Amino acid sequence: MKNIFQSLYSKISAIFLVLLLLLVVVQIYVSTTSSARFVQESEQKLNRNLAHDIAKEFEPFLQDSIHYGEIKHLMHYLMVMNPRVEIYLIDAGGRILAYFTGPGKKVWRKKIDLRPVKRFLQNQADFPVLGDDPRNLARKKPFSAATIQLPPNNRGYLYVILGSEQYDSVIDMIRESYILRITSLGLLVTISFTALLGLILFAML
């Protein structure tokens, strides 16, 4: 009879341990996903008018024609001053007209989906509104956007990604460190709790 109880105890302990481990994994996923979404929403709301403010700086280079050299120089300057952003000049069809990228960096998209941009500009969108990342085909990012007049009389957009590649690399390192700490703590608590429960059940046999 004692062997039966010990076998039953072992099975219960194993099931309980698996359930606790699953709970830890779910908790980590929910926490990291929620925190990432909170950061995106906060970032976008805080920088909602950033593209509108920056657009004024580009107007002198869009009077009679698009002065690409001056525009790229200005983009470089603004991105040095604020390394967290990437700036793109977009036409009415979503085609990327101008951008600045450093050595070894590449823009993979030639055009972006304008639907999120138009939704953002309606001022009725639920944040965060995520748009195409020209430097990553698989990733969507929060952004700021503003309409801008392109010569001779065309509509365009200034598209500002909030969270550059450089910013992402730092955030990813911090996130990995955070997940590692939380996972280690969760496993420690799970194992300790399971061991304590095992001792209590064993004492009751």
Protein backbone atom coordinates (compact mmCIF):
# COMPACT_ATOMS: atom_id res chain seq x y z
CA MET A 1 0.00 0.00 0.00
CA LYS A 2 2.86 2.36 0.86
CA ASN A 3 4.40 1.79 -2.56
CA ILE A 4 1.09 2.69 -4.17
CA PHE A 5 0.94 5.97 -2.23
CA GLN A 6 4.55 6.76 -3.11
CA SER A 7 3.85 6.08 -6.79
CA LEU A 8 0.73 8.24 -6.66
CA TYR A 9 2.67 10.98 -4.88
CA SER A 10 5.37 10.88 -7.57
CA LYS A 11 2.80 11.23 -10.34
CA ILE A 12 0.99 14.08 -8.58
CA SER A 13 4.29 15.87 -7.93
CA ALA A 14 5.37 15.48 -11.56
CA ILE A 15 2.04 16.80 -12.88
CA PHE A 16 2.11 19.68 -10.42
CA LEU A 17 5.68 20.57 -11.43
CA VAL A 18 4.77 20.58 -15.13
CA LEU A 19 1.73 22.79 -14.48
CA LEU A 20 3.81 25.24 -12.47
CA LEU A 21 6.46 25.38 -15.19
CA LEU A 22 3.76 26.07 -17.79
CA LEU A 23 2.37 28.80 -15.57
CA VAL A 24 5.82 30.39 -15.32
CA VAL A 25 6.23 30.32 -19.12
CA VAL A 26 2.78 31.86 -19.68
CA GLN A 27 3.43 34.54 -17.07
CA ILE A 28 6.75 35.48 -18.68
CA TYR A 29 5.15 35.66 -22.14
CA VAL A 30 2.23 37.79 -20.95
CA SER A 31 4.52 40.11 -18.96
CA THR A 32 7.01 40.70 -21.78
CA THR A 33 4.27 41.12 -24.42
CA SER A 34 2.28 43.54 -22.27
CA SER A 35 5.34 45.57 -21.32
CA ALA A 36 6.47 45.78 -24.97
CA ARG A 37 3.03 46.99 -26.06
CA PHE A 38 2.96 49.52 -23.21
CA VAL A 39 6.34 50.90 -24.29
CA GLN A 40 5.21 51.13 -27.93
CA GLU A 41 2.01 52.95 -27.00
CA SER A 42 3.82 55.36 -24.68
CA GLU A 43 6.52 56.03 -27.27
CA GLN A 44 4.01 56.75 -30.02
CA LYS A 45 1.80 59.01 -27.92
CA LEU A 46 4.81 60.93 -26.62
CA ASN A 47 6.19 61.45 -30.15
CA ARG A 48 2.87 61.84 -31.93
CA ASN A 49 3.77 65.24 -33.42
CA LEU A 50 7.45 64.51 -34.04
CA ALA A 51 7.10 64.03 -37.81
CA HIS A 52 4.97 67.18 -38.09
CA ASP A 53 7.66 69.21 -36.31
CA ILE A 54 10.48 67.69 -38.36
CA ALA A 55 8.61 68.23 -41.66
CA LYS A 56 9.12 71.98 -41.33
CA GLU A 57 12.87 71.45 -41.59
CA PHE A 58 12.49 69.73 -44.97
CA GLU A 59 10.23 72.30 -46.64
CA PRO A 60 13.10 74.50 -47.99
CA PHE A 61 14.45 71.49 -49.91
CA LEU A 62 11.10 70.66 -51.53
CA GLN A 63 10.21 73.93 -53.22
CA ASP A 64 10.97 73.51 -56.93
CA SER A 65 12.41 69.99 -56.87
CA ILE A 66 13.52 67.35 -54.38
CA HIS A 67 17.05 68.22 -53.27
CA TYR A 68 18.15 64.73 -52.31
CA GLY A 69 21.64 65.68 -51.14
CA GLU A 70 20.44 68.29 -48.67
CA ILE A 71 17.57 66.06 -47.52
CA LYS A 72 19.85 63.10 -46.77
CA HIS A 73 22.28 65.40 -44.97
CA LEU A 74 19.42 66.75 -42.83
CA MET A 75 18.17 63.22 -42.13
CA HIS A 76 21.66 62.20 -41.02
CA TYR A 77 21.92 65.23 -38.73
CA LEU A 78 18.51 64.61 -37.15
CA MET A 79 19.26 60.92 -36.62
CA VAL A 80 22.59 61.75 -34.97
CA MET A 81 20.77 64.14 -32.65
CA ASN A 82 18.12 61.49 -31.92
CA PRO A 83 19.55 57.96 -32.49
CA ARG A 84 16.19 56.40 -31.60
CA VAL A 85 14.54 57.44 -34.88
CA GLU A 86 14.83 56.69 -38.60
CA ILE A 87 13.42 59.18 -41.12
CA TYR A 88 11.96 58.47 -44.57
CA LEU A 89 10.43 60.63 -47.29
CA ILE A 90 7.47 58.82 -48.86
CA ASP A 91 5.40 59.63 -51.94
CA ALA A 92 1.60 59.33 -52.26
CA GLY A 93 1.89 55.69 -53.34
CA GLY A 94 4.02 54.64 -50.39
CA ARG A 95 7.29 54.56 -52.35
CA ILE A 96 10.39 55.52 -50.36
CA LEU A 97 11.99 58.55 -52.02
CA ALA A 98 14.78 59.41 -49.61
CA TYR A 99 16.44 58.07 -46.48
CA PHE A 100 19.82 57.93 -44.81
CA THR A 101 21.60 54.76 -43.80
CA GLY A 102 25.06 54.20 -42.38
CA PRO A 103 27.81 51.91 -43.73
CA GLY A 104 26.83 48.24 -43.70
CA LYS A 105 23.14 49.08 -43.21
CA LYS A 106 20.45 48.41 -45.78
CA VAL A 107 16.85 49.36 -46.42
CA TRP A 108 14.98 46.27 -47.60
CA ARG A 109 11.68 47.84 -48.58
CA LYS A 110 11.15 50.09 -51.59
CA LYS A 111 7.65 51.06 -50.45
CA ILE A 112 5.52 50.85 -47.33
CA ASP A 113 1.86 50.14 -46.66
CA LEU A 114 0.17 53.52 -46.24
CA ARG A 115 -2.94 52.22 -44.49
CA PRO A 116 -1.43 52.47 -40.99
CA VAL A 117 -0.06 55.93 -41.88
CA LYS A 118 -3.49 57.20 -42.94
CA ARG A 119 -5.07 55.66 -39.85
CA PHE A 120 -2.48 57.43 -37.69
CA LEU A 121 -3.17 60.77 -39.38
CA GLN A 122 -6.92 60.50 -38.76
CA ASN A 123 -6.24 61.15 -35.05
CA GLN A 124 -8.85 58.54 -34.13
CA ALA A 125 -6.64 55.46 -34.10
CA ASP A 126 -6.09 53.27 -31.08
CA PHE A 127 -2.42 53.31 -30.14
CA PRO A 128 -0.07 51.76 -30.80
CA VAL A 129 -0.43 51.91 -34.58
CA LEU A 130 2.34 49.79 -36.08
CA GLY A 131 3.71 50.36 -39.57
CA ASP A 132 6.21 48.74 -41.91
CA ASP A 133 9.86 48.86 -40.90
CA PRO A 134 11.83 49.58 -44.11
CA ARG A 135 14.91 47.91 -42.60
CA ASN A 136 13.18 44.71 -41.56
CA LEU A 137 10.69 42.83 -43.74
CA ALA A 138 9.23 40.90 -40.82
CA ARG A 139 8.89 43.62 -38.21
CA LYS A 140 6.25 46.28 -37.56
CA LYS A 141 7.08 49.34 -35.49
CA PRO A 142 5.45 52.38 -33.92
CA PHE A 143 5.98 55.56 -35.92
CA SER A 144 5.12 59.21 -36.33
CA ALA A 145 3.91 60.57 -39.66
CA ALA A 146 2.98 63.87 -41.26
CA THR A 147 1.82 64.98 -44.68
CA ILE A 148 4.32 67.00 -46.68
CA GLN A 149 4.10 68.86 -49.99
CA LEU A 150 6.26 67.40 -52.77
CA PRO A 151 7.08 69.29 -55.97
CA PRO A 152 5.50 70.28 -58.22
CA ASN A 153 2.21 69.85 -56.38
CA ASN A 154 2.09 66.33 -55.02
CA ARG A 155 1.20 64.91 -51.66
CA GLY A 156 3.81 63.01 -49.69
CA TYR A 157 4.58 61.88 -46.18
CA LEU A 158 7.38 62.16 -43.70
CA TYR A 159 7.59 58.77 -42.00
CA VAL A 160 9.55 58.55 -38.76
CA ILE A 161 10.21 55.13 -37.25
CA LEU A 162 10.32 55.27 -33.45
CA GLY A 163 13.01 52.78 -32.50
CA SER A 164 16.03 52.55 -34.78
CA GLU A 165 18.11 49.43 -35.38
CA GLN A 166 20.63 50.75 -32.87
CA TYR A 167 17.87 51.30 -30.31
CA ASP A 168 16.45 47.83 -31.01
CA SER A 169 19.78 46.12 -30.38
CA VAL A 170 20.05 47.73 -26.95
CA ILE A 171 16.42 46.94 -26.09
CA ASP A 172 16.82 43.32 -27.22
CA MET A 173 19.84 42.89 -24.94
CA ILE A 174 17.93 44.36 -22.00
CA ARG A 175 14.88 42.19 -22.79
CA GLU A 176 16.98 39.03 -22.98
CA SER A 177 18.58 39.87 -19.65
CA TYR A 178 15.16 40.60 -18.13
CA ILE A 179 13.65 37.35 -19.42
CA LEU A 180 16.65 35.38 -18.16
CA ARG A 181 16.31 36.88 -14.68
CA ILE A 182 12.54 36.33 -14.56
CA THR A 183 12.88 32.77 -15.88
CA SER A 184 15.56 31.92 -13.33
CA LEU A 185 13.47 33.37 -10.51
CA GLY A 186 10.35 31.57 -11.73
CA LEU A 187 12.14 28.23 -11.94
CA LEU A 188 13.65 28.71 -8.49
CA VAL A 189 10.26 29.49 -6.96
CA THR A 190 8.62 26.58 -8.81
CA ILE A 191 11.22 24.03 -7.76
CA SER A 192 11.25 25.29 -4.17
CA PHE A 193 7.47 25.19 -3.91
CA THR A 194 7.30 21.73 -5.47
CA ALA A 195 10.00 20.43 -3.13
CA LEU A 196 8.17 21.86 -0.12
CA LEU A 197 4.89 20.34 -1.25
CA GLY A 198 6.67 17.02 -1.79
CA LEU A 199 8.06 17.05 1.74
CA ILE A 200 4.61 17.78 3.16
CA LEU A 201 2.97 14.99 1.17
CA PHE A 202 5.79 12.59 2.01
CA ALA A 203 5.38 13.34 5.72
CA MET A 204 1.66 12.56 5.44
CA LEU A 205 2.27 9.09 4.00
